[in-house]
Amino acid sequence: MNMLSLEQELKNNTYPGRGIVIGKSADGTKAVTAYFIMGRSGNSRNRVFVTEDEGIRTEAFDPSKMEDPSLIIYAPVRVLGNRTIVTNGDQTDTIYDGLKDGLTFEQSLRSREFEPDGPNYTPRISGVMQVADGTYHYAMSILKSNNGNPEACNRYTFTYENPIAGEGHFIHTYARNEEPLPSFEGEPKLVDIPNDIDAFTNLVWTSLNEENKVSLFVRFIDIATGTYETRIINKNQ
């Protein structure tokens, strides 16, 4: 698989929807993740990321303008011991509870499918990172309709053991900005990951479409110690 430029992947797609990047910094010392949300409707754009425990949640920037909260208010990031869960919906809680009960990442998601927002049937994208005793691995998942047919749910899980320094994988909800919105296709895209958290945060945020971007979360976890740095950017201030 050829390595792609994350910057160009973002700049060349005006509406990738929601996206997850997971990988390892170029110097091999950090486990890296980024999660962004975008919106085309006023309801979707009326959001911010706020911290909650060791993770984040979405909330309305202006509560008086909130319409339907069902698919837009959730905890995208939660931490369970040495595992960090990142998703585009309330399946974060499903994975958290499943892992806590001894299920695998894949087993935890068996009770879920794509979002009930026809005709788009937005995929549920998820990731889990495990940093323990100086080791690091991660997995990613997408649950999607069968080429837009909601009668079937296609489930894909991708596992990355001993990730290579400077490499990451990028998965997002929509392949391109069309009507209805077509689901992401194929396996997560191989992208480059730098060393500096601020440079990476700036690259992702400035590459997202200015009109549609809403919020961004970035975390770098030290693989040796488990300590981490976090950056959050909200368009609504």
Protein backbone atom coordinates (compact mmCIF):
# COMPACT_ATOMS: atom_id res chain seq x y z
CA MET A 1 0.00 0.00 0.00
CA ASN A 2 1.36 3.41 -0.97
CA MET A 3 1.67 6.01 1.78
CA LEU A 4 -0.63 8.96 1.19
CA SER A 5 -0.33 12.55 2.33
CA LEU A 6 -2.89 13.14 5.08
CA GLU A 7 -2.82 16.82 4.20
CA GLN A 8 -3.79 16.14 0.59
CA GLU A 9 -6.40 13.52 1.53
CA LEU A 10 -8.15 16.14 3.65
CA LYS A 11 -7.73 19.04 1.26
CA ASN A 12 -9.07 17.04 -1.68
CA ASN A 13 -12.29 16.03 0.07
CA THR A 14 -14.63 18.85 1.09
CA TYR A 15 -16.70 16.54 3.25
CA PRO A 16 -15.06 13.37 4.62
CA GLY A 17 -17.54 13.70 7.50
CA ARG A 18 -15.99 12.38 10.69
CA GLY A 19 -12.52 10.90 10.68
CA ILE A 20 -10.10 8.91 12.84
CA VAL A 21 -6.33 8.75 12.44
CA ILE A 22 -4.27 6.31 14.54
CA GLY A 23 -0.56 5.60 14.23
CA LYS A 24 2.93 6.04 15.65
CA SER A 25 5.10 9.16 15.63
CA ALA A 26 8.08 9.30 13.29
CA ASP A 27 10.56 8.84 16.14
CA GLY A 28 8.67 5.77 17.36
CA THR A 29 8.05 7.08 20.88
CA LYS A 30 4.39 8.15 20.73
CA ALA A 31 1.07 6.47 20.03
CA VAL A 32 -0.91 9.03 18.05
CA THR A 33 -4.58 9.59 17.39
CA ALA A 34 -6.75 12.34 15.93
CA TYR A 35 -10.52 12.59 15.68
CA PHE A 36 -12.40 15.32 13.82
CA ILE A 37 -16.04 16.14 13.20
CA MET A 38 -17.57 18.15 10.38
CA GLY A 39 -21.09 19.35 9.68
CA ARG A 40 -23.28 20.67 6.89
CA SER A 41 -26.43 21.40 8.89
CA GLY A 42 -26.80 24.03 11.58
CA ASN A 43 -27.47 21.28 14.12
CA SER A 44 -24.24 19.44 13.28
CA ARG A 45 -22.19 22.62 13.27
CA ASN A 46 -23.54 23.74 16.65
CA ARG A 47 -21.06 21.60 18.60
CA VAL A 48 -17.84 21.72 20.55
CA PHE A 49 -15.52 19.16 22.13
CA VAL A 50 -15.18 19.38 25.93
CA THR A 51 -13.03 17.26 28.22
CA GLU A 52 -14.66 14.54 30.31
CA ASP A 53 -12.51 12.43 32.65
CA GLU A 54 -9.57 11.30 30.45
CA GLY A 55 -11.60 11.61 27.25
CA ILE A 56 -13.93 14.07 25.56
CA ARG A 57 -17.59 14.48 24.72
CA THR A 58 -19.54 16.65 22.32
CA GLU A 59 -21.97 19.26 23.55
CA ALA A 60 -24.07 22.01 22.00
CA PHE A 61 -22.25 25.30 21.58
CA ASP A 62 -25.59 27.12 21.79
CA PRO A 63 -28.09 24.87 23.63
CA SER A 64 -31.02 27.01 22.46
CA LYS A 65 -30.28 26.00 18.86
CA MET A 66 -29.98 22.26 19.51
CA GLU A 67 -32.46 20.20 17.49
CA ASP A 68 -32.11 16.39 17.48
CA PRO A 69 -29.20 15.35 19.76
CA SER A 70 -29.46 11.61 19.07
CA LEU A 71 -26.56 11.19 16.63
CA ILE A 72 -24.45 14.23 17.45
CA ILE A 73 -24.09 14.24 21.24
CA TYR A 74 -21.81 11.45 22.49
CA ALA A 75 -18.38 10.70 23.99
CA PRO A 76 -15.95 10.21 21.08
CA VAL A 77 -12.99 9.34 23.35
CA ARG A 78 -12.90 7.25 26.55
CA VAL A 79 -10.02 5.62 28.39
CA LEU A 80 -10.20 2.20 30.04
CA GLY A 81 -6.95 1.41 31.81
CA ASN A 82 -4.23 1.27 29.14
CA ARG A 83 -6.73 1.37 26.28
CA THR A 84 -7.95 4.49 24.51
CA ILE A 85 -11.21 4.20 22.57
CA VAL A 86 -11.99 6.62 19.72
CA THR A 87 -15.23 6.51 17.73
CA ASN A 88 -17.70 8.64 15.79
CA GLY A 89 -20.73 7.83 17.96
CA ASP A 90 -22.17 6.39 21.13
CA GLN A 91 -20.59 3.04 20.28
CA THR A 92 -17.68 4.38 22.34
CA ASP A 93 -19.73 3.35 25.37
CA THR A 94 -20.57 -0.01 23.79
CA ILE A 95 -16.88 -0.78 23.27
CA TYR A 96 -15.96 0.49 26.75
CA ASP A 97 -18.56 -1.74 28.40
CA GLY A 98 -17.66 -4.72 26.23
CA LEU A 99 -13.93 -4.51 26.95
CA LYS A 100 -14.69 -4.07 30.64
CA ASP A 101 -16.77 -7.28 30.51
CA GLY A 102 -14.00 -9.24 28.79
CA LEU A 103 -15.19 -9.04 25.19
CA THR A 104 -12.86 -8.21 22.32
CA PHE A 105 -13.11 -4.99 20.34
CA GLU A 106 -14.83 -6.83 17.49
CA GLN A 107 -17.20 -8.73 19.76
CA SER A 108 -18.21 -5.51 21.51
CA LEU A 109 -19.39 -4.03 18.22
CA ARG A 110 -21.52 -7.02 17.22
CA SER A 111 -24.53 -5.38 18.86
CA ARG A 112 -24.19 -2.24 16.72
CA GLU A 113 -24.49 -1.31 13.06
CA PHE A 114 -24.39 1.82 10.87
CA GLU A 115 -26.36 4.90 11.90
CA PRO A 116 -30.12 5.00 11.12
CA ASP A 117 -29.89 8.21 9.12
CA GLY A 118 -31.08 7.08 5.66
CA PRO A 119 -30.42 7.64 2.85
CA ASN A 120 -26.81 8.15 4.01
CA TYR A 121 -26.67 5.32 6.57
CA THR A 122 -23.51 6.83 8.00
CA PRO A 123 -20.89 4.21 8.90
CA ARG A 124 -19.82 3.75 12.48
CA ILE A 125 -16.04 4.05 12.58
CA SER A 126 -14.10 3.06 15.69
CA GLY A 127 -10.58 2.56 16.97
CA VAL A 128 -8.90 1.22 20.09
CA MET A 129 -5.27 1.79 21.09
CA GLN A 130 -3.43 -0.23 23.73
CA VAL A 131 -0.22 1.05 25.27
CA ALA A 132 1.25 -1.23 27.94
CA ASP A 133 4.75 -2.04 29.23
CA GLY A 134 6.43 -0.21 26.37
CA THR A 135 4.38 -1.95 23.68
CA TYR A 136 1.70 -0.51 21.43
CA HIS A 137 -0.88 -1.87 19.02
CA TYR A 138 -4.22 -0.71 17.70
CA ALA A 139 -7.30 -1.81 15.79
CA MET A 140 -9.87 0.00 13.67
CA SER A 141 -13.40 -0.91 12.61
CA ILE A 142 -16.08 0.21 10.19
CA LEU A 143 -19.72 -0.91 10.23
CA LYS A 144 -21.45 0.12 7.02
CA SER A 145 -24.51 -0.56 4.92
CA ASN A 146 -24.16 -2.85 1.92
CA ASN A 147 -23.51 -0.22 -0.76
CA GLY A 148 -26.31 1.92 0.64
CA ASN A 149 -28.69 -0.99 1.23
CA PRO A 150 -29.71 -0.94 4.93
CA GLU A 151 -30.92 -4.53 4.85
CA ALA A 152 -27.34 -5.72 5.39
CA CYS A 153 -24.52 -4.53 7.65
CA ASN A 154 -20.97 -5.13 6.46
CA ARG A 155 -18.43 -5.37 9.30
CA TYR A 156 -14.68 -4.85 8.86
CA THR A 157 -11.97 -4.92 11.54
CA PHE A 158 -8.32 -4.06 10.91
CA THR A 159 -5.62 -4.87 13.47
CA TYR A 160 -2.14 -3.33 13.52
CA GLU A 161 0.47 -5.02 15.72
CA ASN A 162 3.81 -3.34 16.43
CA PRO A 163 3.05 -0.28 14.24
CA ILE A 164 5.90 1.17 12.22
CA ALA A 165 7.29 4.57 13.23
CA GLY A 166 5.95 7.42 11.11
CA GLU A 167 2.98 5.41 9.82
CA GLY A 168 -0.70 5.73 10.62
CA HIS A 169 -4.09 4.78 9.26
CA PHE A 170 -6.94 7.10 8.38
CA ILE A 171 -10.59 6.12 8.16
CA HIS A 172 -13.54 8.46 7.63
CA THR A 173 -17.28 8.18 7.17
CA TYR A 174 -17.84 9.47 3.62
CA ALA A 175 -15.89 8.71 0.46
CA ARG A 176 -16.77 12.07 -1.11
CA ASN A 177 -19.28 14.92 -1.00
CA GLU A 178 -22.25 13.62 -2.99
CA GLU A 179 -25.98 13.04 -2.43
CA PRO A 180 -26.63 10.69 -0.80
CA LEU A 181 -23.27 10.59 0.93
CA PRO A 182 -21.38 7.44 -0.12
CA SER A 183 -19.70 5.40 2.63
CA PHE A 184 -15.94 5.09 3.00
CA GLU A 185 -14.53 2.34 0.79
CA GLY A 186 -11.66 -0.09 1.29
CA GLU A 187 -9.25 -0.48 4.18
CA PRO A 188 -7.94 2.46 6.25
CA LYS A 189 -5.57 4.67 4.28
CA LEU A 190 -1.86 4.56 5.07
CA VAL A 191 -0.73 8.08 5.98
CA ASP A 192 2.37 9.75 7.38
CA ILE A 193 2.61 10.73 11.08
CA PRO A 194 5.08 13.42 12.27
CA ASN A 195 6.77 13.82 15.68
CA ASP A 196 5.34 17.11 16.90
CA ILE A 197 1.81 17.23 18.32
CA ASP A 198 1.30 20.90 17.53
CA ALA A 199 2.51 20.52 13.95
CA PHE A 200 0.22 17.51 13.48
CA THR A 201 -2.75 19.32 15.01
CA ASN A 202 -2.18 22.33 12.79
CA LEU A 203 -1.79 20.17 9.68
CA VAL A 204 -5.10 18.39 10.24
CA TRP A 205 -7.08 21.47 11.23
CA THR A 206 -5.86 23.71 8.43
CA SER A 207 -6.38 20.96 5.83
CA LEU A 208 -10.05 20.42 6.72
CA ASN A 209 -12.62 22.32 4.67
CA GLU A 210 -13.07 25.71 6.31
CA GLU A 211 -16.84 25.84 5.89
CA ASN A 212 -17.58 22.32 7.13
CA LYS A 213 -15.04 21.65 9.91
CA VAL A 214 -16.32 21.78 13.49
CA SER A 215 -13.90 20.30 16.05
CA LEU A 216 -10.62 18.38 16.34
CA PHE A 217 -9.07 16.22 19.07
CA VAL A 218 -5.43 15.06 18.99
CA ARG A 219 -3.57 12.94 21.53
CA PHE A 220 0.06 11.76 21.70
CA ILE A 221 0.67 8.97 24.25
CA ASP A 222 4.21 8.21 25.40
CA ILE A 223 4.68 4.51 24.73
CA ALA A 224 7.29 4.09 27.46
CA THR A 225 5.35 5.80 30.26
CA GLY A 226 1.69 5.99 29.19
CA THR A 227 1.56 9.74 29.86
CA TYR A 228 -0.08 11.85 27.19
CA GLU A 229 -0.56 15.28 25.68
CA THR A 230 -3.87 16.43 24.22
CA ARG A 231 -4.94 19.23 21.90
CA ILE A 232 -8.53 20.30 21.22
CA ILE A 233 -9.65 22.87 18.64
CA ASN A 234 -13.25 24.07 18.32
CA LYS A 235 -14.39 26.32 15.50
CA ASN A 236 -17.08 27.65 17.83
CA GLN A 237 -15.35 29.65 20.54
